[in-house]
Protein backbone atom coordinates (compact mmCIF):
# COMPACT_ATOMS: atom_id res chain seq x y z
CA MET A 1 -70.65 -7.35 -7.00
CA ARG A 2 -69.62 -6.25 -10.47
CA GLY A 3 -66.56 -7.53 -12.24
CA LEU A 4 -65.78 -4.98 -14.96
CA ARG A 5 -67.62 -1.82 -15.84
CA ILE A 6 -66.96 0.15 -19.01
CA LEU A 7 -68.44 3.63 -19.04
CA PHE A 8 -68.47 6.16 -21.86
CA MET A 9 -69.42 9.67 -20.78
CA LEU A 10 -70.04 12.65 -22.96
CA LEU A 11 -68.99 15.93 -21.51
CA TYR A 12 -69.68 16.97 -17.98
CA PHE A 13 -71.90 14.24 -16.51
CA VAL A 14 -70.25 13.49 -13.17
CA THR A 15 -70.76 10.39 -11.04
CA SER A 16 -69.22 9.39 -7.73
CA LEU A 17 -66.25 7.06 -8.09
CA ALA A 18 -65.79 6.47 -4.39
CA HIS A 19 -66.64 2.77 -4.75
CA ALA A 20 -64.15 2.16 -7.60
CA HIS A 21 -61.06 0.08 -6.88
CA GLY A 22 -59.60 -0.61 -10.31
CA PRO A 23 -57.88 1.43 -13.02
CA GLU A 24 -59.72 4.05 -15.05
CA THR A 25 -59.31 4.43 -18.81
CA GLN A 26 -60.65 7.32 -20.87
CA VAL A 27 -61.66 7.41 -24.53
CA PRO A 28 -62.29 10.75 -26.25
CA ALA A 29 -65.88 11.76 -26.90
CA PRO A 30 -66.55 11.89 -30.65
CA PHE A 31 -67.61 15.52 -30.82
CA PRO A 32 -65.50 18.47 -32.11
CA SER A 33 -64.20 21.03 -29.65
CA ALA A 34 -65.78 23.82 -31.72
CA LEU A 35 -68.79 23.94 -34.01
CA SER A 36 -70.26 26.63 -36.26
CA VAL A 37 -74.03 26.52 -36.71
CA LEU A 38 -76.58 28.50 -38.66
CA ALA A 39 -78.88 30.75 -36.66
CA HIS A 40 -82.03 29.47 -38.36
CA GLY A 41 -83.08 25.97 -39.29
CA LYS A 42 -85.57 23.16 -38.76
CA ALA A 43 -85.91 21.42 -35.41
CA GLY A 44 -84.57 17.89 -35.64
CA ASP A 45 -81.81 18.70 -38.15
CA LEU A 46 -78.33 17.43 -37.28
CA LEU A 47 -75.78 20.14 -36.48
CA THR A 48 -72.79 17.82 -36.71
CA ALA A 49 -71.77 16.39 -40.09
CA GLY A 50 -73.75 13.21 -39.51
CA TRP A 51 -73.52 10.85 -36.53
CA ILE A 52 -70.02 10.57 -35.09
CA ASP A 53 -68.62 7.25 -33.84
CA THR A 54 -66.06 6.46 -31.18
CA ALA A 55 -63.46 3.82 -31.90
CA ILE A 56 -64.57 0.21 -31.41
CA ILE A 57 -63.48 -0.89 -27.94
CA SER A 58 -62.61 -4.52 -27.11
CA ALA A 59 -63.02 -5.94 -23.60
CA LYS A 60 -62.60 -9.37 -22.00
CA ALA A 61 -64.88 -10.58 -19.20
CA PRO A 62 -63.05 -11.18 -15.89
CA ALA A 63 -63.56 -14.14 -13.57
CA GLY A 64 -66.96 -14.14 -11.88
CA THR A 65 -68.81 -12.52 -14.78
CA VAL A 66 -72.49 -13.45 -15.01
CA SER A 67 -73.88 -10.75 -17.31
CA TRP A 68 -73.07 -8.00 -19.80
CA GLN A 69 -75.02 -4.79 -19.20
CA MET A 70 -75.43 -1.58 -21.19
CA ALA A 71 -77.12 1.69 -20.32
CA GLY A 72 -77.17 5.21 -21.62
CA GLY A 73 -79.15 8.38 -21.86
CA GLY A 74 -79.39 11.90 -20.55
CA PHE A 75 -80.43 13.72 -17.43
CA LYS A 76 -84.22 13.20 -17.48
CA PRO A 77 -85.24 16.83 -16.75
CA LEU A 78 -83.27 17.83 -19.88
CA ASP A 79 -85.27 15.60 -22.22
CA SER A 80 -86.35 17.98 -25.01
CA GLY A 81 -89.34 15.91 -26.09
CA ILE A 82 -87.87 15.76 -29.62
CA THR A 83 -86.71 12.51 -31.19
CA VAL A 84 -84.67 11.96 -34.34
CA ALA A 85 -84.26 9.00 -36.67
CA GLY A 86 -80.69 7.73 -36.67
CA PRO A 87 -78.36 4.81 -37.31
CA HIS A 88 -79.53 1.19 -37.31
CA GLY A 89 -83.17 2.15 -37.87
CA LEU A 90 -83.62 3.47 -34.32
CA THR A 91 -85.32 6.57 -32.93
CA TYR A 92 -83.21 8.65 -30.51
CA PRO A 93 -84.39 10.96 -27.71
CA VAL A 94 -82.70 14.38 -27.80
CA TYR A 95 -81.46 16.01 -24.58
CA ARG A 96 -80.91 19.73 -24.08
CA THR A 97 -77.43 21.22 -23.64
CA THR A 98 -76.48 24.48 -21.95
CA VAL A 99 -76.83 26.37 -25.26
CA GLN A 100 -80.45 27.14 -26.07
CA ASN A 101 -81.95 25.01 -28.85
CA ILE A 102 -78.92 22.76 -29.21
CA GLY A 103 -79.51 19.16 -28.16
CA VAL A 104 -77.59 15.90 -28.17
CA ALA A 105 -78.56 12.32 -28.96
CA ILE A 106 -76.44 9.22 -28.33
CA GLY A 107 -76.43 5.51 -29.04
CA GLU A 108 -74.45 2.42 -28.16
CA GLY A 109 -73.89 -1.09 -29.41
CA TYR A 110 -72.09 -4.32 -28.60
CA SER A 111 -71.07 -7.63 -30.15
CA LEU A 112 -70.58 -10.61 -27.81
CA ASN A 113 -68.08 -13.29 -28.88
CA GLY A 114 -68.16 -12.22 -32.53
CA GLU A 115 -71.94 -12.52 -32.88
CA SER A 116 -74.17 -9.92 -34.54
CA TRP A 117 -74.10 -6.37 -33.22
CA HIS A 118 -76.94 -5.16 -31.01
CA TRP A 119 -77.69 -1.43 -31.01
CA ARG A 120 -79.54 0.74 -28.52
CA ALA A 121 -80.69 4.37 -28.56
CA GLY A 122 -79.50 6.22 -25.47
CA GLY A 123 -82.44 6.97 -23.22
CA GLN A 124 -84.77 4.28 -24.50
CA ALA A 125 -86.59 2.07 -21.99
CA PRO A 126 -85.64 -0.05 -20.14
CA ASP A 127 -82.76 1.85 -18.58
CA TRP A 128 -80.47 -1.20 -18.67
CA MET A 129 -80.02 -3.94 -21.25
CA VAL A 130 -78.81 -7.17 -19.57
CA VAL A 131 -77.65 -10.39 -21.29
CA PRO A 132 -75.95 -13.50 -19.83
CA ALA A 133 -72.15 -13.60 -20.09
CA LYS A 134 -69.28 -15.52 -18.50
CA ALA A 135 -65.58 -15.22 -17.76
CA ASP A 136 -63.32 -14.81 -20.82
CA ASP A 137 -66.19 -13.72 -23.07
CA LEU A 138 -65.08 -11.09 -25.57
CA VAL A 139 -67.14 -7.96 -26.16
CA LYS A 140 -66.72 -5.23 -28.74
CA LEU A 141 -68.60 -2.02 -28.02
CA GLN A 142 -69.03 1.34 -29.67
CA PHE A 143 -70.72 4.61 -28.82
CA TYR A 144 -71.91 7.36 -31.17
CA GLY A 145 -73.79 10.63 -31.06
CA ALA A 146 -74.93 13.76 -32.85
CA LEU A 147 -75.77 17.35 -31.99
CA VAL A 148 -79.34 18.21 -32.95
CA ARG A 149 -81.10 21.51 -33.60
CA LEU A 150 -84.10 22.14 -31.34
CA GLY A 151 -85.04 25.49 -32.93
CA ASP A 152 -83.47 28.81 -33.92
CA ILE A 153 -80.12 29.45 -32.21
CA GLN A 154 -79.66 33.07 -31.20
CA LYS A 155 -76.50 32.91 -29.11
CA GLY A 156 -73.48 30.64 -29.01
CA GLY A 157 -71.23 29.73 -26.10
CA ASN A 158 -69.90 26.63 -24.41
CA ALA A 159 -72.36 23.76 -24.77
CA LYS A 160 -72.10 21.19 -21.98
CA LEU A 161 -73.70 17.80 -22.66
CA TYR A 162 -75.35 15.95 -19.80
CA VAL A 163 -75.51 12.47 -21.30
CA SER A 164 -73.72 9.18 -20.71
CA ALA A 165 -73.55 5.63 -22.01
CA SER A 166 -71.96 2.59 -20.44
CA GLY A 167 -71.25 -1.10 -20.77
CA SER A 168 -70.26 -3.42 -17.93
CA PHE A 169 -69.45 -7.00 -17.06
CA ASP A 170 -71.34 -7.86 -13.89
CA SER A 171 -71.28 -10.70 -11.36
CA SER A 172 -75.10 -10.81 -11.24
CA MET A 173 -78.10 -10.22 -13.47
CA SER A 174 -79.14 -7.31 -11.25
CA THR A 175 -78.59 -3.67 -12.20
CA SER A 176 -78.60 -2.38 -8.62
CA ASP A 177 -75.16 -3.60 -7.41
CA VAL A 178 -72.55 -0.88 -6.93
CA ASN A 179 -69.48 -2.83 -5.73
CA TYR A 180 -67.02 -3.07 -8.60
CA LEU A 181 -63.94 -5.27 -8.70
CA ALA A 182 -62.47 -3.10 -11.45
CA ASP A 183 -63.64 0.03 -13.21
CA TYR A 184 -62.82 1.06 -16.77
CA TYR A 185 -64.22 4.52 -17.45
CA PHE A 186 -64.33 6.10 -20.86
CA SER A 187 -65.00 9.74 -20.07
CA VAL A 188 -64.35 13.31 -21.15
CA TYR A 189 -65.26 16.41 -19.15
CA SER A 190 -65.24 19.40 -21.50
CA SER A 191 -67.57 21.49 -23.65
CA ILE A 192 -68.15 22.47 -27.27
CA ASN A 193 -67.64 26.08 -28.30
CA ILE A 194 -70.67 27.04 -30.41
CA ASN A 195 -70.31 29.80 -33.02
CA VAL A 196 -73.56 31.06 -34.58
CA VAL A 197 -73.32 32.09 -38.26
CA ALA A 198 -76.14 34.05 -39.90
CA GLN A 199 -75.35 33.15 -43.53
CA THR A 200 -74.82 29.99 -45.53
CA CYS A 201 -72.68 29.15 -48.53
CA LYS A 202 -74.43 29.53 -51.87
CA ILE A 203 -74.09 27.13 -54.82
CA SER A 204 -74.38 28.48 -58.34
CA PRO A 205 -76.70 26.51 -60.66
CA ILE A 206 -74.94 23.52 -62.24
CA PRO A 207 -75.85 22.94 -65.93
CA PRO A 208 -76.49 19.38 -67.16
CA VAL A 209 -73.29 17.40 -67.66
CA ARG A 210 -73.29 15.90 -71.15
CA LEU A 211 -71.10 12.83 -71.53
CA GLY A 212 -71.51 12.66 -75.31
CA ASP A 213 -71.94 9.70 -77.62
CA VAL A 214 -69.96 6.64 -76.59
CA LEU A 215 -69.37 3.57 -78.75
CA PRO A 216 -70.53 0.26 -77.19
CA THR A 217 -67.08 -1.22 -77.93
CA VAL A 218 -65.68 0.90 -75.09
CA PHE A 219 -67.45 -1.29 -72.54
CA LYS A 220 -65.88 -4.70 -73.10
CA LYS A 221 -65.77 -5.74 -69.43
CA THR A 222 -66.97 -4.65 -65.99
CA GLY A 223 -65.20 -1.49 -64.89
CA ASP A 224 -64.44 -0.16 -68.38
CA LYS A 225 -65.09 3.61 -68.53
CA SER A 226 -65.70 6.22 -71.19
CA ASN A 227 -63.53 9.31 -71.41
CA PRO A 228 -64.13 11.57 -68.39
CA VAL A 229 -65.95 14.90 -68.74
CA LYS A 230 -65.07 17.70 -66.33
CA PHE A 231 -67.75 19.60 -64.44
CA GLY A 232 -67.78 21.73 -61.34
CA ALA A 233 -69.75 23.45 -58.61
CA SER A 234 -69.06 27.10 -57.77
CA ILE A 235 -69.81 28.08 -54.19
CA THR A 236 -69.56 31.36 -52.29
CA CYS A 237 -69.04 31.15 -48.53
CA PRO A 238 -68.94 33.58 -45.62
CA SER A 239 -66.30 33.42 -42.93
CA GLY A 240 -67.04 31.93 -39.53
CA PHE A 241 -67.52 28.23 -40.14
CA ASN A 242 -64.92 25.84 -38.78
CA LYS A 243 -65.40 23.43 -41.68
CA VAL A 244 -67.60 23.12 -44.78
CA PHE A 245 -68.62 19.79 -46.32
CA TYR A 246 -70.32 18.77 -49.56
CA GLU A 247 -72.38 15.64 -50.23
CA ILE A 248 -73.49 14.11 -53.53
CA ASP A 249 -76.64 11.98 -53.50
CA PRO A 250 -78.49 10.16 -56.29
CA ALA A 251 -81.83 11.73 -57.25
CA GLY A 252 -84.74 11.39 -59.65
CA GLY A 253 -84.75 7.59 -59.74
CA SER A 254 -80.99 7.08 -59.72
CA ALA A 255 -79.44 5.03 -56.90
CA ILE A 256 -76.03 4.07 -55.57
CA VAL A 257 -74.51 1.10 -57.40
CA ASN A 258 -72.63 -1.39 -55.20
CA LYS A 259 -70.58 0.41 -52.52
CA PRO A 260 -71.06 4.17 -51.90
CA THR A 261 -67.29 4.61 -52.03
CA ASP A 262 -67.24 3.36 -55.66
CA GLY A 263 -68.83 6.65 -56.79
CA ASN A 264 -71.29 4.99 -59.21
CA ILE A 265 -74.87 6.18 -59.80
CA SER A 266 -77.44 4.09 -61.66
CA LEU A 267 -79.31 5.39 -64.71
CA SER A 268 -82.63 7.10 -64.10
CA GLY A 269 -83.85 7.11 -67.69
CA GLY A 270 -83.16 6.14 -71.28
CA GLY A 271 -82.93 2.73 -72.91
CA ALA A 272 -79.34 1.82 -72.03
CA SER A 273 -78.49 -0.74 -69.37
CA GLY A 274 -75.40 -2.32 -67.91
CA VAL A 275 -73.73 1.04 -67.35
CA ALA A 276 -73.72 3.62 -64.56
CA VAL A 277 -72.38 7.14 -64.17
CA HIS A 278 -69.05 7.27 -62.34
CA ILE A 279 -68.13 10.46 -60.43
CA GLU A 280 -64.61 11.32 -59.34
CA SER A 281 -63.10 14.34 -57.64
CA ASP A 282 -60.82 16.36 -59.89
CA THR A 283 -57.87 16.76 -57.52
CA PRO A 284 -56.95 14.20 -56.39
CA SER A 285 -58.64 11.96 -58.94
CA GLN A 286 -60.57 9.42 -56.89
CA PRO A 287 -64.19 8.23 -56.60
CA VAL A 288 -66.49 10.55 -54.68
CA PRO A 289 -68.15 8.68 -51.77
CA LEU A 290 -71.88 9.02 -52.40
CA GLY A 291 -74.30 9.88 -49.61
CA GLN A 292 -71.38 10.86 -47.35
CA THR A 293 -70.01 14.24 -46.32
CA VAL A 294 -66.69 15.26 -47.89
CA LEU A 295 -64.54 18.06 -46.48
CA VAL A 296 -64.15 21.19 -48.63
CA ASP A 297 -60.47 21.64 -47.83
CA GLN A 298 -60.23 24.92 -49.79
CA TYR A 299 -62.47 26.69 -47.26
CA ASN A 300 -60.78 29.41 -45.16
CA PRO A 301 -62.68 30.15 -41.89
CA THR A 302 -61.26 33.71 -41.72
CA LYS A 303 -62.04 34.83 -45.29
CA ASP A 304 -65.42 36.39 -46.05
CA ASN A 305 -67.26 36.11 -49.38
CA GLN A 306 -64.77 33.56 -50.69
CA GLN A 307 -65.20 31.82 -54.04
CA ILE A 308 -64.55 28.08 -54.11
CA GLU A 309 -64.58 25.75 -57.10
CA LEU A 310 -65.32 22.08 -56.55
CA GLY A 311 -64.03 20.09 -59.51
CA PHE A 312 -65.30 16.69 -60.64
CA ASN A 313 -65.06 14.23 -63.55
CA ALA A 314 -67.96 12.12 -64.80
CA SER A 315 -67.91 9.12 -67.13
CA PHE A 316 -69.97 6.07 -68.01
CA ILE A 317 -68.78 2.84 -66.40
CA ARG A 318 -69.67 -0.77 -67.29
CA THR A 319 -71.41 -2.62 -64.44
CA ASP A 320 -71.84 -6.34 -63.99
CA SER A 321 -75.40 -6.22 -65.41
CA PRO A 322 -76.15 -7.25 -69.03
CA PHE A 323 -75.16 -4.44 -71.39
CA HIS A 324 -77.52 -2.85 -73.91
CA ALA A 325 -76.82 0.34 -75.89
CA GLY A 326 -79.27 3.24 -75.86
CA GLU A 327 -79.94 6.65 -74.36
CA ALA A 328 -78.58 7.08 -70.80
CA GLU A 329 -79.42 9.58 -68.06
CA ALA A 330 -78.62 9.84 -64.36
CA LYS A 331 -79.43 12.48 -61.76
CA ALA A 332 -77.77 13.62 -58.53
CA THR A 333 -77.86 16.51 -56.08
CA ILE A 334 -75.07 18.28 -54.23
CA THR A 335 -75.67 19.79 -50.79
CA LEU A 336 -73.51 21.62 -48.27
CA SER A 337 -73.24 21.24 -44.51
CA TYR A 338 -71.23 23.06 -41.87
CA GLN A 339 -69.30 22.53 -38.67
């Protein structure tokens, strides 16, 4: 007999609840209700703007609990045979949806009594992960997923996802019991409206950003910055996307310094040290999160051939490393993604 079962279901995977006796609670699936995708692309590419997480859910084990169990995956006949690398260093099976060449991958994780998180790719063997637990144990759990391209997409429509993930407190170490004292279901039964777009946005070439000569006396302490220099990226976009995102990533030997949200890129060349290049958005003026998608809020889904200017400021910033004057160079790329 099971004590508490927590189930997260993504879109249209139906199970019988005839045995359930307790309350049911639903948490929204993390996917958008509509998604614009390019017709052509490489199999294995993500169609969503990265992996999308649910909220972290907290649960307390009821009396009689013997184990904590997690399971997840897709309807086996819909396994596409494609896998993708994803969060936490795991490889995720991709399951087909009702729109040709659009797949879905999911994952799940838990933390028992404040210990380290354990993560699992949905669909990996064994079907169930079982660990000992007892009454009043506290579990935090989270689910996440991504839509994945399986090939060229010729036609849109409503994509139904036949995948599910679950976590449960159980009164045995077995995974075959079906008598629940209480059920807590996190489920959504809906679909994603897929819009296929033939074109992409185009980025005009960005010339090198020259920060000029800076006196060493500017960098007296960690965090001191040189005067900012404005630069921008000009993009031209078709109509039809729901949202457009940009992402700035270090390149050519540069790397993220400290936290990605600090907006600091290490030097890739020259003799200087103890400084990095700091990148901020122009309006509002705040650090650009590196390696993360950022919404292009100027984009209008109904306007074709629209011109958009992304404005930024760059400056040198003193890091906590020993400072030495000299030539300084850093490199980064900017890419666009769509939803």
